[in-house]
Amino acid sequence: MSNYIRAVMSRATYTAAADGSTYGEIPGFEKVSARADTLEQCRHDLVESLEEWIFSRVTRQLPVPIIDGIQLPTKEMM
């Protein structure tokens, strides 16, 4: 799963907000986003959000997109 997360995170985009915080999201992964005081914390929070999204999709037997040829083995996740 770590290779998958790295591949997905390489697609993340970050924006500096007017209040000085950083907002991050991953295009194509609905509701996977984070906002934090620093870019480093935003990345960390975004990984956590992605992990929760993956777990939610797998446990509900919903599709998880193949990224850079990497497909999650759903049997190992559950």
N, C-alpha and C. Protein backbone atom coordinates (compact mmCIF):
# COMPACT_ATOMS: atom_id res chain seq x y z
N MET A 1 0.82 -1.19 0.00
CA MET A 1 0.00 0.00 0.00
C MET A 1 0.87 1.26 0.00
N SER A 2 2.07 1.18 0.53
CA SER A 2 2.92 2.38 0.60
C SER A 2 3.27 2.89 -0.80
N ASN A 3 3.50 1.99 -1.76
CA ASN A 3 3.77 2.44 -3.13
C ASN A 3 2.56 3.16 -3.72
N TYR A 4 1.38 2.65 -3.43
CA TYR A 4 0.16 3.27 -3.92
C TYR A 4 0.02 4.68 -3.33
N ILE A 5 0.21 4.80 -2.03
CA ILE A 5 0.08 6.10 -1.37
C ILE A 5 1.10 7.08 -1.93
N ARG A 6 2.33 6.64 -2.13
CA ARG A 6 3.35 7.53 -2.71
C ARG A 6 2.93 7.99 -4.11
N ALA A 7 2.41 7.07 -4.92
CA ALA A 7 1.98 7.41 -6.28
C ALA A 7 0.84 8.43 -6.25
N VAL A 8 -0.12 8.22 -5.36
CA VAL A 8 -1.24 9.15 -5.26
C VAL A 8 -0.76 10.50 -4.75
N MET A 9 0.09 10.49 -3.74
CA MET A 9 0.57 11.75 -3.16
C MET A 9 1.40 12.56 -4.16
N SER A 10 1.98 11.91 -5.14
CA SER A 10 2.74 12.66 -6.15
C SER A 10 1.81 13.54 -6.99
N ARG A 11 0.52 13.29 -6.92
CA ARG A 11 -0.48 14.07 -7.66
C ARG A 11 -1.09 15.19 -6.82
N ALA A 12 -0.73 15.25 -5.55
CA ALA A 12 -1.30 16.24 -4.64
C ALA A 12 -0.94 17.66 -5.08
N THR A 13 -1.87 18.56 -4.84
CA THR A 13 -1.62 19.98 -5.10
C THR A 13 -1.78 20.74 -3.79
N TYR A 14 -1.00 21.79 -3.65
CA TYR A 14 -1.01 22.59 -2.43
C TYR A 14 -1.18 24.06 -2.78
N THR A 15 -1.94 24.76 -1.95
CA THR A 15 -2.19 26.17 -2.15
C THR A 15 -1.98 26.90 -0.83
N ALA A 16 -1.30 28.03 -0.89
CA ALA A 16 -1.13 28.87 0.29
C ALA A 16 -2.38 29.72 0.44
N ALA A 17 -2.99 29.67 1.61
CA ALA A 17 -4.20 30.44 1.88
C ALA A 17 -3.82 31.83 2.40
N ALA A 18 -4.76 32.75 2.33
CA ALA A 18 -4.53 34.13 2.76
C ALA A 18 -4.16 34.21 4.24
N ASP A 19 -4.65 33.25 5.03
CA ASP A 19 -4.37 33.27 6.47
C ASP A 19 -3.02 32.65 6.81
N GLY A 20 -2.26 32.25 5.79
CA GLY A 20 -0.94 31.67 6.01
C GLY A 20 -0.93 30.16 6.10
N SER A 21 -2.09 29.55 6.13
CA SER A 21 -2.15 28.09 6.19
C SER A 21 -1.95 27.51 4.79
N THR A 22 -1.78 26.20 4.73
CA THR A 22 -1.61 25.50 3.46
C THR A 22 -2.78 24.54 3.28
N TYR A 23 -3.36 24.56 2.09
CA TYR A 23 -4.46 23.66 1.74
C TYR A 23 -3.93 22.67 0.72
N GLY A 24 -4.20 21.39 0.94
CA GLY A 24 -3.78 20.35 0.00
C GLY A 24 -4.95 19.48 -0.40
N GLU A 25 -4.91 19.01 -1.63
CA GLU A 25 -5.94 18.09 -2.12
C GLU A 25 -5.34 17.20 -3.19
N ILE A 26 -6.05 16.13 -3.50
CA ILE A 26 -5.60 15.20 -4.53
C ILE A 26 -6.67 15.14 -5.60
N PRO A 27 -6.39 15.68 -6.78
CA PRO A 27 -7.38 15.66 -7.85
C PRO A 27 -7.84 14.23 -8.16
N GLY A 28 -9.16 14.08 -8.29
CA GLY A 28 -9.73 12.77 -8.59
C GLY A 28 -10.07 11.95 -7.37
N PHE A 29 -9.70 12.44 -6.19
CA PHE A 29 -10.01 11.74 -4.94
C PHE A 29 -10.91 12.66 -4.11
N GLU A 30 -12.21 12.51 -4.36
CA GLU A 30 -13.20 13.38 -3.74
C GLU A 30 -13.10 13.34 -2.21
N LYS A 31 -13.11 14.51 -1.63
CA LYS A 31 -13.08 14.73 -0.18
C LYS A 31 -11.76 14.35 0.48
N VAL A 32 -10.71 14.13 -0.29
CA VAL A 32 -9.39 13.89 0.28
C VAL A 32 -8.66 15.22 0.24
N SER A 33 -8.64 15.89 1.40
CA SER A 33 -8.02 17.21 1.48
C SER A 33 -7.55 17.45 2.91
N ALA A 34 -6.74 18.50 3.06
CA ALA A 34 -6.24 18.85 4.39
C ALA A 34 -5.88 20.33 4.39
N ARG A 35 -5.91 20.92 5.57
CA ARG A 35 -5.47 22.29 5.78
C ARG A 35 -4.66 22.30 7.07
N ALA A 36 -3.49 22.94 7.02
CA ALA A 36 -2.63 22.99 8.20
C ALA A 36 -1.78 24.25 8.17
N ASP A 37 -1.12 24.51 9.29
CA ASP A 37 -0.29 25.71 9.41
C ASP A 37 0.97 25.65 8.56
N THR A 38 1.49 24.44 8.32
CA THR A 38 2.71 24.30 7.54
C THR A 38 2.49 23.30 6.41
N LEU A 39 3.34 23.39 5.39
CA LEU A 39 3.27 22.45 4.28
C LEU A 39 3.54 21.03 4.76
N GLU A 40 4.51 20.87 5.63
CA GLU A 40 4.84 19.54 6.15
C GLU A 40 3.66 18.92 6.89
N GLN A 41 3.00 19.71 7.73
CA GLN A 41 1.84 19.18 8.47
C GLN A 41 0.68 18.91 7.51
N CYS A 42 0.53 19.74 6.50
CA CYS A 42 -0.53 19.53 5.51
C CYS A 42 -0.31 18.21 4.77
N ARG A 43 0.93 17.94 4.38
CA ARG A 43 1.24 16.66 3.71
C ARG A 43 0.91 15.49 4.62
N HIS A 44 1.31 15.59 5.87
CA HIS A 44 1.03 14.52 6.84
C HIS A 44 -0.48 14.29 6.97
N ASP A 45 -1.22 15.37 7.13
CA ASP A 45 -2.67 15.27 7.28
C ASP A 45 -3.33 14.74 6.01
N LEU A 46 -2.77 15.10 4.86
CA LEU A 46 -3.31 14.63 3.59
C LEU A 46 -3.12 13.12 3.43
N VAL A 47 -1.97 12.62 3.86
CA VAL A 47 -1.74 11.16 3.84
C VAL A 47 -2.76 10.47 4.73
N GLU A 48 -3.00 11.01 5.92
CA GLU A 48 -3.99 10.41 6.83
C GLU A 48 -5.38 10.42 6.20
N SER A 49 -5.73 11.52 5.56
CA SER A 49 -7.03 11.61 4.89
C SER A 49 -7.14 10.58 3.77
N LEU A 50 -6.07 10.42 3.01
CA LEU A 50 -6.04 9.42 1.94
C LEU A 50 -6.18 8.01 2.50
N GLU A 51 -5.47 7.70 3.56
CA GLU A 51 -5.56 6.37 4.17
C GLU A 51 -6.99 6.08 4.64
N GLU A 52 -7.64 7.08 5.25
CA GLU A 52 -9.03 6.90 5.69
C GLU A 52 -9.95 6.70 4.49
N TRP A 53 -9.71 7.44 3.41
CA TRP A 53 -10.52 7.31 2.20
C TRP A 53 -10.38 5.91 1.62
N ILE A 54 -9.14 5.41 1.54
CA ILE A 54 -8.90 4.06 1.02
C ILE A 54 -9.62 3.03 1.87
N PHE A 55 -9.47 3.11 3.19
CA PHE A 55 -10.11 2.16 4.09
C PHE A 55 -11.63 2.19 3.91
N SER A 56 -12.19 3.38 3.82
CA SER A 56 -13.63 3.52 3.65
C SER A 56 -14.10 2.88 2.35
N ARG A 57 -13.37 3.12 1.27
CA ARG A 57 -13.74 2.55 -0.03
C ARG A 57 -13.64 1.03 -0.02
N VAL A 58 -12.56 0.52 0.53
CA VAL A 58 -12.34 -0.93 0.52
C VAL A 58 -13.37 -1.64 1.39
N THR A 59 -13.65 -1.11 2.58
CA THR A 59 -14.59 -1.78 3.47
C THR A 59 -16.02 -1.76 2.92
N ARG A 60 -16.33 -0.77 2.10
CA ARG A 60 -17.66 -0.72 1.48
C ARG A 60 -17.66 -1.36 0.10
N GLN A 61 -16.54 -1.98 -0.26
CA GLN A 61 -16.38 -2.67 -1.55
C GLN A 61 -16.62 -1.74 -2.74
N LEU A 62 -16.15 -0.50 -2.60
CA LEU A 62 -16.22 0.47 -3.69
C LEU A 62 -14.88 0.48 -4.42
N PRO A 63 -14.88 0.83 -5.69
CA PRO A 63 -13.62 0.80 -6.44
C PRO A 63 -12.61 1.84 -5.94
N VAL A 64 -11.36 1.45 -6.02
CA VAL A 64 -10.23 2.34 -5.73
C VAL A 64 -9.46 2.43 -7.04
N PRO A 65 -9.22 3.65 -7.53
CA PRO A 65 -8.59 3.77 -8.85
C PRO A 65 -7.18 3.18 -8.91
N ILE A 66 -6.84 2.66 -10.07
CA ILE A 66 -5.47 2.19 -10.32
C ILE A 66 -4.65 3.43 -10.64
N ILE A 67 -3.53 3.60 -9.94
CA ILE A 67 -2.67 4.76 -10.12
C ILE A 67 -1.28 4.29 -10.55
N ASP A 68 -0.81 4.82 -11.66
CA ASP A 68 0.51 4.47 -12.19
C ASP A 68 0.70 2.95 -12.28
N GLY A 69 -0.37 2.25 -12.65
CA GLY A 69 -0.31 0.80 -12.78
C GLY A 69 -0.38 0.04 -11.47
N ILE A 70 -0.56 0.76 -10.37
CA ILE A 70 -0.62 0.12 -9.05
C ILE A 70 -2.07 -0.07 -8.65
N GLN A 71 -2.44 -1.32 -8.39
CA GLN A 71 -3.79 -1.65 -7.95
C GLN A 71 -3.70 -2.22 -6.54
N LEU A 72 -4.55 -1.73 -5.66
CA LEU A 72 -4.52 -2.24 -4.29
C LEU A 72 -5.10 -3.64 -4.22
N PRO A 73 -4.43 -4.54 -3.53
CA PRO A 73 -4.98 -5.89 -3.32
C PRO A 73 -6.01 -5.84 -2.20
N THR A 74 -7.27 -5.76 -2.54
CA THR A 74 -8.31 -5.54 -1.54
C THR A 74 -8.41 -6.66 -0.52
N LYS A 75 -8.08 -7.89 -0.85
CA LYS A 75 -8.15 -8.98 0.13
C LYS A 75 -7.19 -8.75 1.28
N GLU A 76 -6.01 -8.19 1.00
CA GLU A 76 -5.03 -7.92 2.06
C GLU A 76 -5.46 -6.77 2.95
N MET A 77 -6.26 -5.86 2.41
CA MET A 77 -6.67 -4.68 3.16
C MET A 77 -7.70 -5.04 4.23
N MET A 78 -8.50 -6.07 4.01
CA MET A 78 -9.62 -6.35 4.90
C MET A 78 -9.29 -7.39 5.92
